[in-house]
Amino acid sequence: MKCKKKSKVFLVPYPAQGHVTPMLKLASLLVNHGINPIVIIPNFVKIDSKDVNISIMSISDGLRSRWTNNVFRSRFLRDRKVYGKLHAMSTRNDNSRSRRWNCCGVHVAGFWPAMLATYKLINSIPEMLHDGIISETGCPLHNDSICHSFDQPTIRPQDLPWLIGNPNARISRFKFWTRTMERTKTLKWLLINTFQDECHNNKDQNTTNFDTKILLPIGPLNTHVAIKNSSFWEEDLSCMNWLDKQVVNSVLYISFGSWVSPIGEAKVNSLALALEATKRPFIWVLGPLWRQGLQKSNLERISKQGKIVSWAPQMDVLQHEGVGCYLTHCGWNSTMEAIQSKKRLMCYPVAGDQFVNCAYIVQKWRIGVMIDGFGVKDLEGGLRKVMEDDGMSERISRLNEMTMGKVASCKAMDNLTTFLSSVRM
């Protein structure tokens, strides 16, 4: 009997840690469904196929070495040569020379690694332009909060996802998002790394471009599959031994994710002084670029109180009983990992979708508080509110069940199966 070949699926993530990791998890799920996934990444993303047990192929990213940390400079996703390289890869290692590849009518689906709420907000750019909420370059024209439906949290105009950095950077990001939304119009499917109830609660009359698109929540992917060694950086495992020696719920874990620019020397030192004042043990993920601004005297003093690492095994840290609170930038992956681990949150969003996520964490789900700065009063006040809120643990547990419980997981996997059945037809 002739053995049927597995279907190949190419996955092309945006080249940032928060996009690559969920795409690798999606690839792992596809393997379980009899699919042969191939993840395409640019050269500067250093992940070995053997480490994640998934086929990975690299394409030249067109970057000079000094640009490798700035993915917005990458030509990877807009280089027309990529398509030719994908075709070449589709036939690589295929022993059947007589097999012909049909390049027409190939199914294309989108993968959104964040909340549907963020997608809807960005997708509403035409409406915001029409209603005079933003200018042609994406700048807010008034101070009124933005809310898409009565039961959803409000977003401040200054927190729109593209309003990051200097004016030129903001315009560039605004153009990037408008191009991205334009491309999604032709998609038949949009797989979303979120849970069923989030999509259900975001269904209202404002569904521009949704009527021709099938929305399939298949997340949060971190609950369906675990991927080891998917980090761009080496994890410092020594913090786990240190954690084992700490009192239950006593440790403050601090991490601003993989793709947040340094917050500045003044803020880093202010946070160090605030940590010292709390006298609370901590694990602080502080990469080399961030650590450069930390004064040596501050570093020496707080090192006796906590553990500073360049990168941490985040899920292991969050699931440790010693950790009581997580000071986070509110990245979507980090938010879901915190909910999975049932940890209380102190929120300091910095860029992109983090402000939308923060609004849900603080206003709708009420599983955390937002702090405005890193002064002693900011940190101590935030910790007090979070740790003394007796109802927060119950709310986190309910949210954990709603997003990651048996019913939610079954719905997510049903959606993935529905998608795969459609593309196999």
Protein backbone atom coordinates (compact mmCIF):
# COMPACT_ATOMS: atom_id res chain seq x y z
CA MET A 1 0.00 0.00 0.00
CA LYS A 2 1.27 3.45 -0.86
CA CYS A 3 1.91 5.63 2.15
CA LYS A 4 0.03 8.93 1.97
CA LYS A 5 2.28 11.95 2.30
CA LYS A 6 1.61 14.39 5.11
CA SER A 7 0.29 17.79 4.10
CA LYS A 8 2.82 20.59 4.39
CA VAL A 9 1.90 23.84 6.08
CA PHE A 10 4.26 26.81 6.01
CA LEU A 11 4.10 29.09 9.03
CA VAL A 12 5.64 32.55 8.70
CA PRO A 13 5.65 34.44 12.02
CA TYR A 14 6.50 38.07 12.52
CA PRO A 15 10.16 37.89 13.64
CA ALA A 16 9.75 38.76 17.33
CA GLN A 17 9.77 36.43 20.37
CA GLY A 18 6.12 37.09 21.23
CA HIS A 19 5.09 36.03 17.71
CA VAL A 20 7.52 33.18 17.08
CA THR A 21 6.78 31.31 20.33
CA PRO A 22 2.99 30.95 19.78
CA MET A 23 3.63 30.05 16.13
CA LEU A 24 5.94 27.25 17.25
CA LYS A 25 3.21 26.03 19.60
CA LEU A 26 0.71 26.09 16.76
CA ALA A 27 3.18 24.10 14.66
CA SER A 28 3.46 21.53 17.44
CA LEU A 29 -0.32 21.14 17.50
CA LEU A 30 -0.36 20.64 13.74
CA VAL A 31 2.12 17.77 14.14
CA ASN A 32 -0.38 16.12 16.49
CA HIS A 33 -3.00 16.41 13.73
CA GLY A 34 -0.87 14.65 11.13
CA ILE A 35 0.42 17.82 9.45
CA ASN A 36 4.03 18.49 8.49
CA PRO A 37 4.56 22.13 9.58
CA ILE A 38 7.59 24.13 8.46
CA VAL A 39 8.28 27.36 10.34
CA ILE A 40 10.05 30.03 8.27
CA ILE A 41 12.18 32.50 10.22
CA PRO A 42 14.86 35.09 9.35
CA ASN A 43 18.51 34.34 9.97
CA PHE A 44 18.85 36.45 13.09
CA VAL A 45 16.31 34.29 14.98
CA LYS A 46 18.47 31.52 16.40
CA ILE A 47 16.26 28.51 17.09
CA ASP A 48 17.36 24.97 16.30
CA SER A 49 14.88 22.46 14.88
CA LYS A 50 16.27 19.79 17.21
CA ASP A 51 15.53 21.91 20.28
CA VAL A 52 11.83 22.34 19.50
CA ASN A 53 11.26 19.13 17.47
CA ILE A 54 9.74 21.12 14.60
CA SER A 55 11.04 21.71 11.08
CA ILE A 56 12.55 25.19 10.89
CA MET A 57 14.03 26.84 7.83
CA SER A 58 15.81 30.17 7.65
CA ILE A 59 15.52 32.85 4.99
CA SER A 60 17.91 35.75 4.61
CA ASP A 61 16.48 38.70 6.48
CA GLY A 62 18.31 41.39 4.55
CA LEU A 63 19.63 42.89 7.77
CA ARG A 64 23.05 44.15 8.63
CA SER A 65 24.30 42.71 11.91
CA ARG A 66 23.85 45.98 13.79
CA TRP A 67 20.14 45.97 12.95
CA THR A 68 19.31 42.51 14.16
CA ASN A 69 17.52 43.63 17.32
CA ASN A 70 15.21 45.99 15.44
CA VAL A 71 12.64 43.81 13.73
CA PHE A 72 10.80 46.81 12.32
CA ARG A 73 13.79 47.30 10.00
CA SER A 74 13.44 43.76 8.72
CA ARG A 75 12.69 43.32 5.02
CA PHE A 76 11.73 39.73 5.76
CA LEU A 77 7.97 40.08 5.47
CA ARG A 78 7.91 42.49 2.55
CA ASP A 79 10.66 40.98 0.39
CA ARG A 80 9.12 39.56 -2.78
CA LYS A 81 11.98 37.08 -3.00
CA VAL A 82 10.54 35.31 0.04
CA TYR A 83 7.80 33.76 -2.09
CA GLY A 84 10.28 32.22 -4.48
CA LYS A 85 12.27 30.87 -1.56
CA LEU A 86 9.12 29.36 -0.07
CA HIS A 87 8.49 27.51 -3.32
CA ALA A 88 12.05 26.20 -3.36
CA MET A 89 11.66 25.02 0.22
CA SER A 90 8.38 23.30 -0.55
CA THR A 91 10.21 20.86 -2.81
CA ARG A 92 13.35 20.47 -0.71
CA ASN A 93 13.93 16.96 0.64
CA ASP A 94 11.11 15.64 -1.52
CA ASN A 95 12.35 12.46 -3.23
CA SER A 96 9.46 12.37 -5.67
CA ARG A 97 10.86 14.30 -8.64
CA SER A 98 7.75 13.69 -10.65
CA ARG A 99 5.60 15.51 -8.13
CA ARG A 100 4.35 18.84 -9.37
CA TRP A 101 3.53 21.67 -7.02
CA ASN A 102 0.46 23.67 -7.81
CA CYS A 103 1.24 27.27 -6.90
CA CYS A 104 -2.30 28.44 -7.60
CA GLY A 105 -5.17 28.24 -5.16
CA VAL A 106 -3.04 27.55 -2.10
CA HIS A 107 -4.98 28.10 1.11
CA VAL A 108 -3.81 31.09 3.14
CA ALA A 109 -4.88 31.76 6.73
CA GLY A 110 -3.92 34.51 9.12
CA PHE A 111 -2.63 33.96 12.64
CA TRP A 112 -3.21 36.69 15.22
CA PRO A 113 -1.07 36.03 18.33
CA ALA A 114 -2.92 38.50 20.58
CA MET A 115 -6.44 39.39 21.72
CA LEU A 116 -9.29 39.76 19.26
CA ALA A 117 -9.96 43.08 21.01
CA THR A 118 -6.62 44.41 19.77
CA TYR A 119 -7.33 43.20 16.24
CA LYS A 120 -10.72 44.91 16.30
CA LEU A 121 -9.21 48.15 17.58
CA ILE A 122 -6.62 48.25 14.80
CA ASN A 123 -9.15 47.09 12.23
CA SER A 124 -11.36 50.06 13.14
CA ILE A 125 -8.80 52.58 11.84
CA PRO A 126 -11.08 53.51 8.87
CA GLU A 127 -13.97 54.21 11.26
CA MET A 128 -11.73 56.24 13.58
CA LEU A 129 -10.56 58.29 10.60
CA HIS A 130 -14.13 58.80 9.40
CA ASP A 131 -15.38 59.80 12.86
CA GLY A 132 -12.55 62.27 13.40
CA ILE A 133 -11.02 60.33 16.31
CA ILE A 134 -7.58 60.20 14.69
CA SER A 135 -5.76 62.10 11.96
CA GLU A 136 -4.50 60.71 8.65
CA THR A 137 -1.22 59.90 10.40
CA GLY A 138 -2.92 58.14 13.33
CA CYS A 139 -2.61 60.93 15.92
CA PRO A 140 -5.55 61.33 18.37
CA LEU A 141 -7.65 64.44 17.68
CA HIS A 142 -9.36 64.55 21.09
CA ASN A 143 -9.06 63.11 24.59
CA ASP A 144 -12.27 61.06 24.74
CA SER A 145 -11.79 57.41 25.67
CA ILE A 146 -12.42 54.76 23.03
CA CYS A 147 -14.84 51.90 23.68
CA HIS A 148 -16.27 49.51 21.08
CA SER A 149 -19.13 48.08 23.16
CA PHE A 150 -20.79 48.75 26.49
CA ASP A 151 -19.28 45.80 28.38
CA GLN A 152 -15.69 46.30 27.21
CA PRO A 153 -12.99 48.40 28.91
CA THR A 154 -12.17 51.87 27.65
CA ILE A 155 -8.90 52.71 25.90
CA ARG A 156 -7.28 56.13 26.19
CA PRO A 157 -6.45 57.74 22.81
CA GLN A 158 -2.77 57.98 23.79
CA ASP A 159 -2.71 54.20 24.30
CA LEU A 160 -3.46 53.26 20.69
CA PRO A 161 -1.05 50.47 19.63
CA TRP A 162 0.92 52.51 17.09
CA LEU A 163 1.63 55.49 19.37
CA ILE A 164 5.15 54.47 20.34
CA GLY A 165 8.38 56.45 20.16
CA ASN A 166 8.98 59.66 18.24
CA PRO A 167 6.56 61.09 15.61
CA ASN A 168 8.34 59.38 12.71
CA ALA A 169 8.23 56.01 14.48
CA ARG A 170 4.51 56.47 15.18
CA ILE A 171 3.74 57.26 11.56
CA SER A 172 5.79 54.25 10.43
CA ARG A 173 3.94 51.92 12.80
CA PHE A 174 0.57 53.37 11.80
CA LYS A 175 1.37 52.64 8.14
CA PHE A 176 2.51 49.15 9.11
CA TRP A 177 -0.81 48.40 10.80
CA THR A 178 -2.92 49.84 7.99
CA ARG A 179 -1.00 47.67 5.50
CA THR A 180 -1.47 44.64 7.73
CA MET A 181 -5.23 45.17 8.00
CA GLU A 182 -5.47 45.66 4.25
CA ARG A 183 -3.82 42.28 3.70
CA THR A 184 -6.23 40.52 6.06
CA LYS A 185 -9.20 41.45 3.87
CA THR A 186 -8.44 38.58 1.50
CA LEU A 187 -8.11 35.96 4.24
CA LYS A 188 -10.79 33.32 4.61
CA TRP A 189 -9.65 32.24 8.08
CA LEU A 190 -8.13 34.09 10.99
CA LEU A 191 -6.76 31.86 13.74
CA ILE A 192 -6.57 33.79 17.01
CA ASN A 193 -4.44 32.96 20.03
CA THR A 194 -7.26 33.73 22.43
CA PHE A 195 -10.13 31.96 24.17
CA GLN A 196 -13.70 31.43 23.00
CA ASP A 197 -15.37 33.78 25.49
CA GLU A 198 -13.14 36.70 24.49
CA CYS A 199 -14.30 36.35 20.89
CA HIS A 200 -17.93 35.91 21.96
CA ASN A 201 -17.83 39.04 24.12
CA ASN A 202 -16.29 41.05 21.28
CA LYS A 203 -19.05 40.34 18.78
CA ASP A 204 -21.03 43.50 18.09
CA GLN A 205 -22.09 45.68 15.21
CA ASN A 206 -18.56 46.94 14.58
CA THR A 207 -17.37 43.98 12.51
CA THR A 208 -15.94 45.64 9.41
CA ASN A 209 -14.23 43.06 7.18
CA PHE A 210 -15.28 40.26 9.55
CA ASP A 211 -18.28 39.11 7.49
CA THR A 212 -16.06 37.39 4.90
CA LYS A 213 -13.63 36.00 7.44
CA ILE A 214 -13.99 32.95 9.68
CA LEU A 215 -12.68 33.79 13.16
CA LEU A 216 -11.34 30.76 14.99
CA PRO A 217 -10.08 31.19 18.58
CA ILE A 218 -7.58 28.37 19.15
CA GLY A 219 -5.88 29.59 22.31
CA PRO A 220 -4.41 30.33 24.58
CA LEU A 221 -1.81 28.08 22.97
CA ASN A 222 0.40 27.92 26.07
CA THR A 223 -2.22 25.67 27.71
CA HIS A 224 -2.43 23.19 24.83
CA VAL A 225 1.24 22.51 24.23
CA ALA A 226 4.60 23.26 25.83
CA ILE A 227 7.64 24.16 23.73
CA LYS A 228 11.03 23.89 25.36
CA ASN A 229 14.04 25.92 24.22
CA SER A 230 11.99 28.33 22.09
CA SER A 231 13.58 31.41 23.64
CA PHE A 232 15.85 33.66 21.61
CA TRP A 233 18.10 33.98 24.68
CA GLU A 234 19.69 31.61 27.17
CA GLU A 235 17.68 31.19 30.36
CA ASP A 236 19.38 31.60 33.74
CA LEU A 237 18.19 28.55 35.68
CA SER A 238 19.96 29.58 38.88
CA CYS A 239 16.93 31.65 39.86
CA MET A 240 14.95 28.45 40.44
CA ASN A 241 17.32 27.27 43.18
CA TRP A 242 17.10 30.73 44.72
CA LEU A 243 13.28 30.59 44.56
CA ASP A 244 13.20 27.29 46.44
CA LYS A 245 14.62 29.07 49.49
CA GLN A 246 11.95 31.80 49.61
CA VAL A 247 8.75 32.01 51.63
CA VAL A 248 5.49 31.13 49.83
CA ASN A 249 3.94 34.11 47.97
CA SER A 250 6.74 36.43 49.07
CA VAL A 251 8.60 37.03 45.79
CA LEU A 252 7.90 39.79 43.28
CA TYR A 253 8.72 38.67 39.74
CA ILE A 254 9.62 41.51 37.35
CA SER A 255 9.87 41.14 33.59
CA PHE A 256 9.04 43.48 30.74
CA GLY A 257 9.18 40.83 28.06
CA SER A 258 11.33 40.19 25.05
CA TRP A 259 10.53 43.16 22.86
CA VAL A 260 10.39 46.27 25.01
CA SER A 261 13.03 48.95 24.53
CA PRO A 262 14.95 49.98 27.66
CA ILE A 263 12.74 52.25 29.76
CA GLY A 264 15.63 54.59 30.52
CA GLU A 265 18.33 54.97 33.12
CA ALA A 266 16.21 57.10 35.46
CA LYS A 267 13.33 54.60 35.59
CA VAL A 268 15.62 51.60 36.04
CA ASN A 269 17.34 53.22 39.01
CA SER A 270 14.02 54.42 40.42
CA LEU A 271 12.71 50.85 40.30
CA ALA A 272 15.86 49.59 42.00
CA LEU A 273 15.42 52.09 44.86
CA ALA A 274 11.72 51.22 45.15
CA LEU A 275 12.53 47.51 45.35
CA GLU A 276 15.02 48.21 48.11
CA ALA A 277 12.39 50.18 50.04
CA THR A 278 9.83 47.35 49.89
CA LYS A 279 12.32 44.92 51.47
CA ARG A 280 10.54 42.21 49.46
CA PRO A 281 12.54 39.45 47.72
CA PHE A 282 12.39 39.67 43.94
CA ILE A 283 13.50 38.18 40.63
CA TRP A 284 14.21 40.91 38.10
CA VAL A 285 14.74 40.03 34.44
CA LEU A 286 17.16 42.70 33.36
CA GLY A 287 18.87 42.29 29.99
CA PRO A 288 22.31 43.73 29.21
CA LEU A 289 20.93 46.89 27.54
CA TRP A 290 18.73 47.63 30.54
CA ARG A 291 21.44 46.83 33.06
CA GLN A 292 23.83 49.39 31.54
CA GLY A 293 21.87 52.23 33.12
CA LEU A 294 21.68 50.70 36.60
CA GLN A 295 24.12 52.41 38.95
CA LYS A 296 26.69 50.07 40.45
CA SER A 297 25.86 51.10 44.01
CA ASN A 298 22.16 50.35 43.47
CA LEU A 299 22.97 47.02 41.84
CA GLU A 300 25.20 45.95 44.72
CA ARG A 301 22.62 46.81 47.38
CA ILE A 302 19.57 45.18 45.81
CA SER A 303 21.53 42.07 44.76
CA LYS A 304 21.53 41.06 48.42
CA GLN A 305 17.73 41.28 48.50
CA GLY A 306 16.82 39.56 45.24
CA LYS A 307 18.00 37.84 42.09
CA ILE A 308 18.80 39.68 38.86
CA VAL A 309 19.00 37.60 35.66
CA SER A 310 19.34 38.41 31.96
CA TRP A 311 16.55 35.99 31.03
CA ALA A 312 14.41 33.62 33.09
CA PRO A 313 12.47 30.39 32.51
CA GLN A 314 9.26 32.37 32.91
CA MET A 315 6.66 29.61 33.16
CA ASP A 316 8.73 27.76 35.76
CA VAL A 317 9.10 30.98 37.75
CA LEU A 318 5.42 31.89 37.58
CA GLN A 319 4.30 28.41 38.60
CA HIS A 320 6.57 28.42 41.65
CA GLU A 321 4.74 28.83 44.96
CA GLY A 322 7.32 31.38 46.11
CA VAL A 323 6.08 33.98 43.60
CA GLY A 324 3.19 36.09 44.86
CA CYS A 325 2.99 38.89 42.30
CA TYR A 326 4.18 39.62 38.77
CA LEU A 327 5.17 43.14 37.65
CA THR A 328 4.56 42.89 33.92
CA HIS A 329 4.47 44.90 30.69
CA CYS A 330 1.19 43.11 29.89
CA GLY A 331 2.34 41.30 26.76
CA TRP A 332 -0.34 38.82 25.71
CA ASN A 333 1.78 35.69 26.13
CA SER A 334 2.92 36.85 29.57
CA THR A 335 -0.65 37.69 30.56
CA MET A 336 -1.88 34.24 29.61
CA GLU A 337 1.02 32.59 31.42
CA ALA A 338 0.19 34.59 34.55
CA ILE A 339 -3.46 33.52 34.38
CA GLN A 340 -2.41 29.92 33.82
CA SER A 341 -0.20 30.17 36.92
CA LYS A 342 -2.89 32.11 38.87
CA LYS A 343 -0.61 35.02 39.73
CA ARG A 344 -1.69 38.54 40.68
CA LEU A 345 -0.48 41.30 38.39
CA MET A 346 1.01 44.76 38.68
CA CYS A 347 0.82 46.35 35.26
CA TYR A 348 3.19 48.77 33.57
CA PRO A 349 2.36 48.65 29.83
CA VAL A 350 5.00 50.10 27.55
CA ALA A 351 4.05 49.61 23.90
CA GLY A 352 1.73 48.10 21.31
CA ASP A 353 -1.17 45.92 22.45
CA GLN A 354 0.01 46.02 26.07
CA PHE A 355 -2.32 48.92 26.91
CA VAL A 356 -5.33 47.01 25.59
CA ASN A 357 -4.35 43.94 27.59
CA CYS A 358 -3.83 46.10 30.67
CA ALA A 359 -7.32 47.58 30.31
CA TYR A 360 -8.79 44.07 30.41
CA ILE A 361 -6.59 42.98 33.33
CA VAL A 362 -7.47 46.01 35.46
CA GLN A 363 -10.97 47.08 34.37
CA LYS A 364 -12.78 43.97 33.16
CA TRP A 365 -11.12 40.96 34.79
CA ARG A 366 -9.89 42.81 37.90
CA ILE A 367 -6.90 40.54 38.43
CA GLY A 368 -4.32 43.29 38.72
CA VAL A 369 -3.61 46.98 39.18
CA MET A 370 -1.83 49.50 36.98
CA ILE A 371 1.04 51.61 38.27
CA ASP A 372 2.02 54.91 36.68
CA GLY A 373 5.70 54.88 37.60
CA PHE A 374 8.49 53.24 39.57
CA GLY A 375 8.67 55.50 42.60
CA VAL A 376 8.59 54.04 46.10
CA LYS A 377 4.94 55.07 46.56
CA ASP A 378 3.98 53.62 43.18
CA LEU A 379 5.49 50.22 43.91
CA GLU A 380 4.46 49.97 47.55
CA GLY A 381 0.94 51.18 46.75
CA GLY A 382 0.57 48.72 43.88
CA LEU A 383 1.82 45.81 45.95
CA ARG A 384 -0.53 46.70 48.79
CA LYS A 385 -3.58 46.87 46.51
CA VAL A 386 -2.73 43.60 44.79
CA MET A 387 -1.77 41.53 47.81
CA GLU A 388 -4.55 42.81 50.10
CA ASP A 389 -7.40 42.29 47.61
CA ASP A 390 -9.09 39.24 49.12
CA GLY A 391 -11.32 38.67 46.09
CA MET A 392 -8.54 38.68 43.52
CA SER A 393 -7.56 35.04 43.97
CA GLU A 394 -11.12 33.93 43.32
CA ARG A 395 -11.39 36.11 40.21
CA ILE A 396 -8.12 34.73 38.85
CA SER A 397 -9.32 31.16 39.44
CA ARG A 398 -12.59 31.86 37.61
CA LEU A 399 -10.73 33.45 34.71
CA ASN A 400 -8.31 30.52 34.62
CA GLU A 401 -11.23 28.11 34.27
CA MET A 402 -12.97 30.28 31.66
CA THR A 403 -9.85 30.58 29.50
CA MET A 404 -8.05 27.30 30.11
CA GLY A 405 -10.48 24.86 31.68
CA LYS A 406 -11.65 21.65 30.06
CA VAL A 407 -14.61 23.24 28.25
CA ALA A 408 -12.51 26.11 26.90
CA SER A 409 -9.73 23.78 25.74
CA CYS A 410 -12.18 21.50 23.95
CA LYS A 411 -13.71 24.47 22.11
CA ALA A 412 -10.28 25.66 21.03
CA MET A 413 -9.27 22.26 19.70
CA ASP A 414 -12.63 21.87 17.95
CA ASN A 415 -11.95 25.15 16.15
CA LEU A 416 -8.52 23.98 15.05
CA THR A 417 -9.99 20.69 13.81
CA THR A 418 -12.67 22.61 11.89
CA PHE A 419 -10.00 24.69 10.19
CA LEU A 420 -7.88 21.67 9.25
CA SER A 421 -10.92 19.85 7.88
CA SER A 422 -11.69 22.85 5.68
CA VAL A 423 -8.21 23.17 4.20
CA ARG A 424 -7.96 19.42 3.55
CA MET A 425 -11.13 19.38 1.45
